[in-house]
Amino acid sequence: MNKATELFKKGYNCAQSVFCANCDKVNIDFETGLKLTSSFGGGMGRLREVCGAVTAMFMLIGLKKGYITFDNDEIKEKHYAKVQELAHKFEEKFGSIICRELLNLNEKASNPKPSQRTEEYYKERPCEKFIEFASDLVEKELM
């Protein structure tokens, strides 16, 4: 079990788990990392859109290799290509980067109440493998 999956098992959301496992590598303190990524659990505030683990990968690549100029399309294109490469690798492995599709849900969630973290929750949820894969991709590709 890697650091990201350990954080998930403690109760942090997918985005928090991947991002905060790497806070030290992007010079962000753990508490700030938790706050920054707290909105992205459950596929962005439990909307079941982009998987939080994927969102965290994108945030980390932005911090590690992002651009700061607004007028250089070549630099932007290079950055977006890397983001898309990571998304494609995740999608190749799991079939999607969308939370509801990864969880085999039929529609977007309309209830903001988080699921209780029980033993049964962890048995039923495939999230741990998404977090582990995203965390490994971050390690290989960015760090």
C-alpha atoms as a PDB file:
ATOM      1  CA  MET A   1       0.000   0.000   0.000  1.00  0.00           C
ATOM      2  CA  ASN A   2       1.448   3.355  -0.979  1.00  0.00           C
ATOM      3  CA  LYS A   3       1.097   6.636   0.915  1.00  0.00           C
ATOM      4  CA  ALA A   4      -1.878   7.774  -1.184  1.00  0.00           C
ATOM      5  CA  THR A   5      -3.885   4.614  -0.505  1.00  0.00           C
ATOM      6  CA  GLU A   6      -3.014   4.877   3.180  1.00  0.00           C
ATOM      7  CA  LEU A   7      -4.485   8.378   3.231  1.00  0.00           C
ATOM      8  CA  PHE A   8      -7.621   7.127   1.483  1.00  0.00           C
ATOM      9  CA  LYS A   9      -7.992   4.347   4.048  1.00  0.00           C
ATOM     10  CA  LYS A  10      -7.809   6.995   6.786  1.00  0.00           C
ATOM     11  CA  GLY A  11     -10.858   8.707   5.247  1.00  0.00           C
ATOM     12  CA  TYR A  12      -9.453  11.375   2.940  1.00  0.00           C
ATOM     13  CA  ASN A  13     -11.066  11.741  -0.478  1.00  0.00           C
ATOM     14  CA  CYS A  14      -9.420  10.544  -3.701  1.00  0.00           C
ATOM     15  CA  ALA A  15      -8.032  13.955  -4.658  1.00  0.00           C
ATOM     16  CA  GLN A  16      -6.710  14.628  -1.170  1.00  0.00           C
ATOM     17  CA  SER A  17      -5.078  11.216  -1.050  1.00  0.00           C
ATOM     18  CA  VAL A  18      -3.138  11.531  -4.306  1.00  0.00           C
ATOM     19  CA  PHE A  19      -2.275  15.196  -3.896  1.00  0.00           C
ATOM     20  CA  CYS A  20      -1.273  15.115  -0.238  1.00  0.00           C
ATOM     21  CA  ALA A  21       0.877  12.032  -0.699  1.00  0.00           C
ATOM     22  CA  ASN A  22       2.991  14.374  -2.844  1.00  0.00           C
ATOM     23  CA  CYS A  23       2.664  17.707  -0.993  1.00  0.00           C
ATOM     24  CA  ASP A  24       6.275  17.668   0.080  1.00  0.00           C
ATOM     25  CA  LYS A  25       7.401  17.276  -3.545  1.00  0.00           C
ATOM     26  CA  VAL A  26       5.593  20.452  -4.617  1.00  0.00           C
ATOM     27  CA  ASN A  27       6.356  22.539  -1.510  1.00  0.00           C
ATOM     28  CA  ILE A  28       2.779  22.621  -0.213  1.00  0.00           C
ATOM     29  CA  ASP A  29       2.112  21.930   3.441  1.00  0.00           C
ATOM     30  CA  PHE A  30      -0.209  19.023   4.207  1.00  0.00           C
ATOM     31  CA  GLU A  31      -3.063  21.107   5.662  1.00  0.00           C
ATOM     32  CA  THR A  32      -3.066  23.483   2.683  1.00  0.00           C
ATOM     33  CA  GLY A  33      -3.050  20.476   0.366  1.00  0.00           C
ATOM     34  CA  LEU A  34      -6.040  19.002   2.165  1.00  0.00           C
ATOM     35  CA  LYS A  35      -7.981  22.251   1.890  1.00  0.00           C
ATOM     36  CA  LEU A  36      -7.011  22.819  -1.731  1.00  0.00           C
ATOM     37  CA  THR A  37      -8.221  19.382  -2.810  1.00  0.00           C
ATOM     38  CA  SER A  38     -11.208  18.992  -0.478  1.00  0.00           C
ATOM     39  CA  SER A  39     -13.660  20.156  -3.168  1.00  0.00           C
ATOM     40  CA  PHE A  40     -12.620  17.498  -5.669  1.00  0.00           C
ATOM     41  CA  GLY A  41     -13.670  14.307  -3.872  1.00  0.00           C
ATOM     42  CA  GLY A  42     -16.520  12.281  -5.335  1.00  0.00           C
ATOM     43  CA  GLY A  43     -15.730  13.527  -8.807  1.00  0.00           C
ATOM     44  CA  MET A  44     -15.803  17.221  -7.882  1.00  0.00           C
ATOM     45  CA  GLY A  45     -17.975  17.785  -4.837  1.00  0.00           C
ATOM     46  CA  ARG A  46     -19.687  14.433  -5.294  1.00  0.00           C
ATOM     47  CA  LEU A  47     -21.014  15.430  -8.715  1.00  0.00           C
ATOM     48  CA  ARG A  48     -19.401  12.255 -10.083  1.00  0.00           C
ATOM     49  CA  GLU A  49     -17.562  14.107 -12.831  1.00  0.00           C
ATOM     50  CA  VAL A  50     -13.738  13.856 -13.237  1.00  0.00           C
ATOM     51  CA  CYS A  51     -12.262  11.392 -10.750  1.00  0.00           C
ATOM     52  CA  GLY A  52     -10.550  13.118  -7.838  1.00  0.00           C
ATOM     53  CA  ALA A  53      -7.409  11.027  -8.291  1.00  0.00           C
ATOM     54  CA  VAL A  54      -7.150  12.290 -11.876  1.00  0.00           C
ATOM     55  CA  THR A  55      -7.813  15.877 -10.820  1.00  0.00           C
ATOM     56  CA  ALA A  56      -5.017  15.604  -8.268  1.00  0.00           C
ATOM     57  CA  MET A  57      -2.641  14.365 -10.986  1.00  0.00           C
ATOM     58  CA  PHE A  58      -3.492  17.436 -13.059  1.00  0.00           C
ATOM     59  CA  MET A  59      -2.983  19.761 -10.095  1.00  0.00           C
ATOM     60  CA  LEU A  60       0.386  18.204  -9.355  1.00  0.00           C
ATOM     61  CA  ILE A  61       1.579  18.483 -12.950  1.00  0.00           C
ATOM     62  CA  GLY A  62       0.519  22.119 -12.903  1.00  0.00           C
ATOM     63  CA  LEU A  63       2.544  22.785  -9.784  1.00  0.00           C
ATOM     64  CA  LYS A  64       5.528  20.802 -11.002  1.00  0.00           C
ATOM     65  CA  LYS A  65       5.619  21.689 -14.699  1.00  0.00           C
ATOM     66  CA  GLY A  66       2.911  24.267 -15.308  1.00  0.00           C
ATOM     67  CA  TYR A  67       3.271  27.442 -17.312  1.00  0.00           C
ATOM     68  CA  ILE A  68       2.992  30.995 -16.004  1.00  0.00           C
ATOM     69  CA  THR A  69       2.929  32.952 -19.244  1.00  0.00           C
ATOM     70  CA  PHE A  70      -0.377  33.831 -20.848  1.00  0.00           C
ATOM     71  CA  ASP A  71       0.902  34.486 -24.337  1.00  0.00           C
ATOM     72  CA  ASN A  72       2.932  31.431 -25.330  1.00  0.00           C
ATOM     73  CA  ASP A  73       0.724  28.905 -27.082  1.00  0.00           C
ATOM     74  CA  GLU A  74       3.655  26.542 -27.668  1.00  0.00           C
ATOM     75  CA  ILE A  75       4.278  26.191 -23.927  1.00  0.00           C
ATOM     76  CA  LYS A  76       0.541  25.785 -23.256  1.00  0.00           C
ATOM     77  CA  GLU A  77       0.259  23.111 -25.936  1.00  0.00           C
ATOM     78  CA  LYS A  78       3.190  21.171 -24.472  1.00  0.00           C
ATOM     79  CA  HIS A  79       1.623  21.322 -21.006  1.00  0.00           C
ATOM     80  CA  TYR A  80      -1.837  20.302 -22.223  1.00  0.00           C
ATOM     81  CA  ALA A  81      -0.269  17.421 -24.156  1.00  0.00           C
ATOM     82  CA  LYS A  82       1.217  16.090 -20.900  1.00  0.00           C
ATOM     83  CA  VAL A  83      -2.127  16.457 -19.117  1.00  0.00           C
ATOM     84  CA  GLN A  84      -3.842  14.562 -21.932  1.00  0.00           C
ATOM     85  CA  GLU A  85      -1.145  11.893 -21.898  1.00  0.00           C
ATOM     86  CA  LEU A  86      -1.763  11.231 -18.208  1.00  0.00           C
ATOM     87  CA  ALA A  87      -5.535  11.198 -18.766  1.00  0.00           C
ATOM     88  CA  HIS A  88      -5.160   8.728 -21.629  1.00  0.00           C
ATOM     89  CA  LYS A  89      -2.973   6.403 -19.554  1.00  0.00           C
ATOM     90  CA  PHE A  90      -5.578   6.408 -16.781  1.00  0.00           C
ATOM     91  CA  GLU A  91      -8.388   5.922 -19.280  1.00  0.00           C
ATOM     92  CA  GLU A  92      -6.558   3.066 -21.020  1.00  0.00           C
ATOM     93  CA  LYS A  93      -6.244   1.293 -17.692  1.00  0.00           C
ATOM     94  CA  PHE A  94      -9.772   1.888 -16.368  1.00  0.00           C
ATOM     95  CA  GLY A  95     -11.925   2.870 -19.352  1.00  0.00           C
ATOM     96  CA  SER A  96     -12.733   6.397 -18.198  1.00  0.00           C
ATOM     97  CA  ILE A  97     -11.634   9.356 -16.109  1.00  0.00           C
ATOM     98  CA  ILE A  98     -15.242  10.100 -15.062  1.00  0.00           C
ATOM     99  CA  CYS A  99     -16.107   9.114 -11.494  1.00  0.00           C
ATOM    100  CA  ARG A 100     -19.655   7.859 -12.171  1.00  0.00           C
ATOM    101  CA  GLU A 101     -18.426   5.701 -15.057  1.00  0.00           C
ATOM    102  CA  LEU A 102     -15.604   4.281 -12.966  1.00  0.00           C
ATOM    103  CA  LEU A 103     -18.133   3.440 -10.215  1.00  0.00           C
ATOM    104  CA  ASN A 104     -20.727   2.108 -12.693  1.00  0.00           C
ATOM    105  CA  LEU A 105     -23.323   4.658 -11.645  1.00  0.00           C
ATOM    106  CA  ASN A 106     -26.100   5.544 -14.054  1.00  0.00           C
ATOM    107  CA  GLU A 107     -26.343   9.231 -13.338  1.00  0.00           C
ATOM    108  CA  LYS A 108     -24.776  12.157 -11.575  1.00  0.00           C
ATOM    109  CA  ALA A 109     -25.149  12.316  -7.829  1.00  0.00           C
ATOM    110  CA  SER A 110     -27.560  14.873  -6.503  1.00  0.00           C
ATOM    111  CA  ASN A 111     -26.900  14.191  -2.847  1.00  0.00           C
ATOM    112  CA  PRO A 112     -23.884  15.950  -1.330  1.00  0.00           C
ATOM    113  CA  LYS A 113     -23.797  13.621   1.684  1.00  0.00           C
ATOM    114  CA  PRO A 114     -20.612  11.534   1.604  1.00  0.00           C
ATOM    115  CA  SER A 115     -20.780   7.768   1.956  1.00  0.00           C
ATOM    116  CA  GLN A 116     -19.842   6.405   5.348  1.00  0.00           C
ATOM    117  CA  ARG A 117     -16.374   4.906   5.379  1.00  0.00           C
ATOM    118  CA  THR A 118     -17.010   1.388   6.620  1.00  0.00           C
ATOM    119  CA  GLU A 119     -15.331  -1.932   5.906  1.00  0.00           C
ATOM    120  CA  GLU A 120     -18.097  -2.629   3.397  1.00  0.00           C
ATOM    121  CA  TYR A 121     -17.466   0.705   1.675  1.00  0.00           C
ATOM    122  CA  TYR A 122     -13.817  -0.160   1.107  1.00  0.00           C
ATOM    123  CA  LYS A 123     -14.727  -3.664  -0.146  1.00  0.00           C
ATOM    124  CA  GLU A 124     -17.236  -2.307  -2.676  1.00  0.00           C
ATOM    125  CA  ARG A 125     -15.331   0.737  -3.916  1.00  0.00           C
ATOM    126  CA  PRO A 126     -12.694   0.388  -6.619  1.00  0.00           C
ATOM    127  CA  CYS A 127     -11.304   3.831  -5.697  1.00  0.00           C
ATOM    128  CA  GLU A 128      -8.218   2.445  -4.008  1.00  0.00           C
ATOM    129  CA  LYS A 129      -6.891   1.054  -7.300  1.00  0.00           C
ATOM    130  CA  PHE A 130      -7.542   4.403  -9.054  1.00  0.00           C
ATOM    131  CA  ILE A 131      -5.671   6.237  -6.313  1.00  0.00           C
ATOM    132  CA  GLU A 132      -2.761   3.825  -6.410  1.00  0.00           C
ATOM    133  CA  PHE A 133      -2.474   4.022 -10.205  1.00  0.00           C
ATOM    134  CA  ALA A 134      -2.706   7.835 -10.244  1.00  0.00           C
ATOM    135  CA  SER A 135      -0.142   8.075  -7.473  1.00  0.00           C
ATOM    136  CA  ASP A 136       2.217   5.750  -9.337  1.00  0.00           C
ATOM    137  CA  LEU A 137       1.761   7.791 -12.536  1.00  0.00           C
ATOM    138  CA  VAL A 138       2.617  10.960 -10.645  1.00  0.00           C
ATOM    139  CA  GLU A 139       5.749   9.332  -9.270  1.00  0.00           C
ATOM    140  CA  LYS A 140       6.892   8.011 -12.665  1.00  0.00           C
ATOM    141  CA  GLU A 141       5.891  10.930 -14.859  1.00  0.00           C
ATOM    142  CA  LEU A 142       6.321  14.017 -12.710  1.00  0.00           C
ATOM    143  CA  MET A 143       8.587  13.489  -9.782  1.00  0.00           C
END
